[in-house]
C-alpha cells in the first residue's frame, strides 16, 4: 500500500494500525494519534472510502487487507 499519497494524519493512522497488526478501538486510536475523536472519525471514513481501512463492529478499525 502506497501511503505517500495520503495526508499526514491519514499516514499516521495507517502507520499505527500497521504496527498494531489487528483491530483497534477508535478510543485507543484517538489516544495514540492524539487526534480529536471527531476529526479521527472523519479521517477513518475517508480511508474507508479509499479501501485502506475497514470498520468493524464495536467501533473498531483495521487495515482493509487484514482479517
C-alpha atoms as a PDB file:
ATOM      1  CA  UNK A   1       0.000   0.000   0.000  1.00  0.00           C
ATOM      2  CA  UNK A   2       1.454   3.379  -1.034  1.00  0.00           C
ATOM      3  CA  UNK A   3       0.715   5.759   1.801  1.00  0.00           C
ATOM      4  CA  UNK A   4       2.871   8.560   0.405  1.00  0.00           C
ATOM      5  CA  UNK A   5      -0.188   9.981  -1.388  1.00  0.00           C
ATOM      6  CA  UNK A   6      -2.144  10.286   1.874  1.00  0.00           C
ATOM      7  CA  UNK A   7      -2.401  13.323   4.117  1.00  0.00           C
ATOM      8  CA  UNK A   8      -0.030  13.312   7.142  1.00  0.00           C
ATOM      9  CA  UNK A   9      -2.822  12.493   9.636  1.00  0.00           C
ATOM     10  CA  UNK A  10      -4.007   9.637   7.396  1.00  0.00           C
ATOM     11  CA  UNK A  11      -0.429   8.330   7.197  1.00  0.00           C
ATOM     12  CA  UNK A  12      -0.243   8.369  10.993  1.00  0.00           C
ATOM     13  CA  UNK A  13      -3.459   6.346  11.276  1.00  0.00           C
ATOM     14  CA  UNK A  14      -2.239   3.771   8.745  1.00  0.00           C
ATOM     15  CA  UNK A  15       1.157   3.502  10.474  1.00  0.00           C
ATOM     16  CA  UNK A  16      -0.413   2.917  13.890  1.00  0.00           C
ATOM     17  CA  UNK A  17      -2.853   0.320  12.540  1.00  0.00           C
ATOM     18  CA  UNK A  18       0.053  -1.385  10.743  1.00  0.00           C
ATOM     19  CA  UNK A  19       2.054  -1.575  13.970  1.00  0.00           C
ATOM     20  CA  UNK A  20      -0.939  -3.000  15.843  1.00  0.00           C
ATOM     21  CA  UNK A  21      -1.397  -5.798  13.277  1.00  0.00           C
ATOM     22  CA  UNK A  22      -5.059  -6.109  14.135  1.00  0.00           C
ATOM     23  CA  UNK A  23      -8.188  -4.182  15.000  1.00  0.00           C
ATOM     24  CA  UNK A  24      -8.066  -1.167  17.271  1.00  0.00           C
ATOM     25  CA  UNK A  25     -10.863   0.651  19.081  1.00  0.00           C
ATOM     26  CA  UNK A  26     -11.435   4.227  17.980  1.00  0.00           C
ATOM     27  CA  UNK A  27     -10.751   5.482  21.540  1.00  0.00           C
ATOM     28  CA  UNK A  28      -7.324   3.819  21.615  1.00  0.00           C
ATOM     29  CA  UNK A  29      -6.593   5.094  18.115  1.00  0.00           C
ATOM     30  CA  UNK A  30      -7.548   8.624  19.199  1.00  0.00           C
ATOM     31  CA  UNK A  31      -5.104   8.448  22.110  1.00  0.00           C
ATOM     32  CA  UNK A  32      -2.253   7.067  20.005  1.00  0.00           C
ATOM     33  CA  UNK A  33      -2.751   9.566  17.166  1.00  0.00           C
ATOM     34  CA  UNK A  34      -3.511  12.482  19.520  1.00  0.00           C
ATOM     35  CA  UNK A  35      -6.371  13.432  17.176  1.00  0.00           C
ATOM     36  CA  UNK A  36      -9.785  14.533  18.459  1.00  0.00           C
ATOM     37  CA  UNK A  37     -12.381  11.759  18.019  1.00  0.00           C
ATOM     38  CA  UNK A  38     -14.473  13.879  15.639  1.00  0.00           C
ATOM     39  CA  UNK A  39     -11.522  14.504  13.290  1.00  0.00           C
ATOM     40  CA  UNK A  40     -10.369  10.900  13.608  1.00  0.00           C
ATOM     41  CA  UNK A  41     -13.832   9.600  12.664  1.00  0.00           C
ATOM     42  CA  UNK A  42     -13.825  11.808   9.575  1.00  0.00           C
ATOM     43  CA  UNK A  43     -10.350  10.650   8.539  1.00  0.00           C
ATOM     44  CA  UNK A  44     -11.267   6.996   9.113  1.00  0.00           C
ATOM     45  CA  UNK A  45     -14.345   7.385   6.922  1.00  0.00           C
ATOM     46  CA  UNK A  46     -12.185   8.854   4.166  1.00  0.00           C
ATOM     47  CA  UNK A  47      -9.751   5.955   4.494  1.00  0.00           C
ATOM     48  CA  UNK A  48     -12.686   3.538   4.277  1.00  0.00           C
ATOM     49  CA  UNK A  49     -13.778   5.148   1.007  1.00  0.00           C
ATOM     50  CA  UNK A  50     -10.227   4.652  -0.269  1.00  0.00           C
ATOM     51  CA  UNK A  51     -10.417   0.954   0.767  1.00  0.00           C
ATOM     52  CA  UNK A  52      -7.444   1.333   3.095  1.00  0.00           C
ATOM     53  CA  UNK A  53      -9.257   0.911   6.410  1.00  0.00           C
ATOM     54  CA  UNK A  54     -12.290  -1.151   7.311  1.00  0.00           C
ATOM     55  CA  UNK A  55     -14.800  -0.572  10.068  1.00  0.00           C
ATOM     56  CA  UNK A  56     -15.610  -3.480  12.367  1.00  0.00           C
ATOM     57  CA  UNK A  57     -18.338  -3.972  14.983  1.00  0.00           C
ATOM     58  CA  UNK A  58     -17.774  -2.218  18.298  1.00  0.00           C
ATOM     59  CA  UNK A  59     -16.225   0.956  16.834  1.00  0.00           C
ATOM     60  CA  UNK A  60     -13.108  -0.956  15.881  1.00  0.00           C
ATOM     61  CA  UNK A  61     -10.965  -0.380  12.812  1.00  0.00           C
ATOM     62  CA  UNK A  62      -8.261  -2.290  10.989  1.00  0.00           C
ATOM     63  CA  UNK A  63      -6.392  -2.077   7.727  1.00  0.00           C
ATOM     64  CA  UNK A  64      -8.546  -3.382   4.893  1.00  0.00           C
ATOM     65  CA  UNK A  65      -6.002  -6.061   3.966  1.00  0.00           C
ATOM     66  CA  UNK A  66      -6.061  -7.590   7.459  1.00  0.00           C
ATOM     67  CA  UNK A  67      -8.606 -10.041   8.823  1.00  0.00           C
END
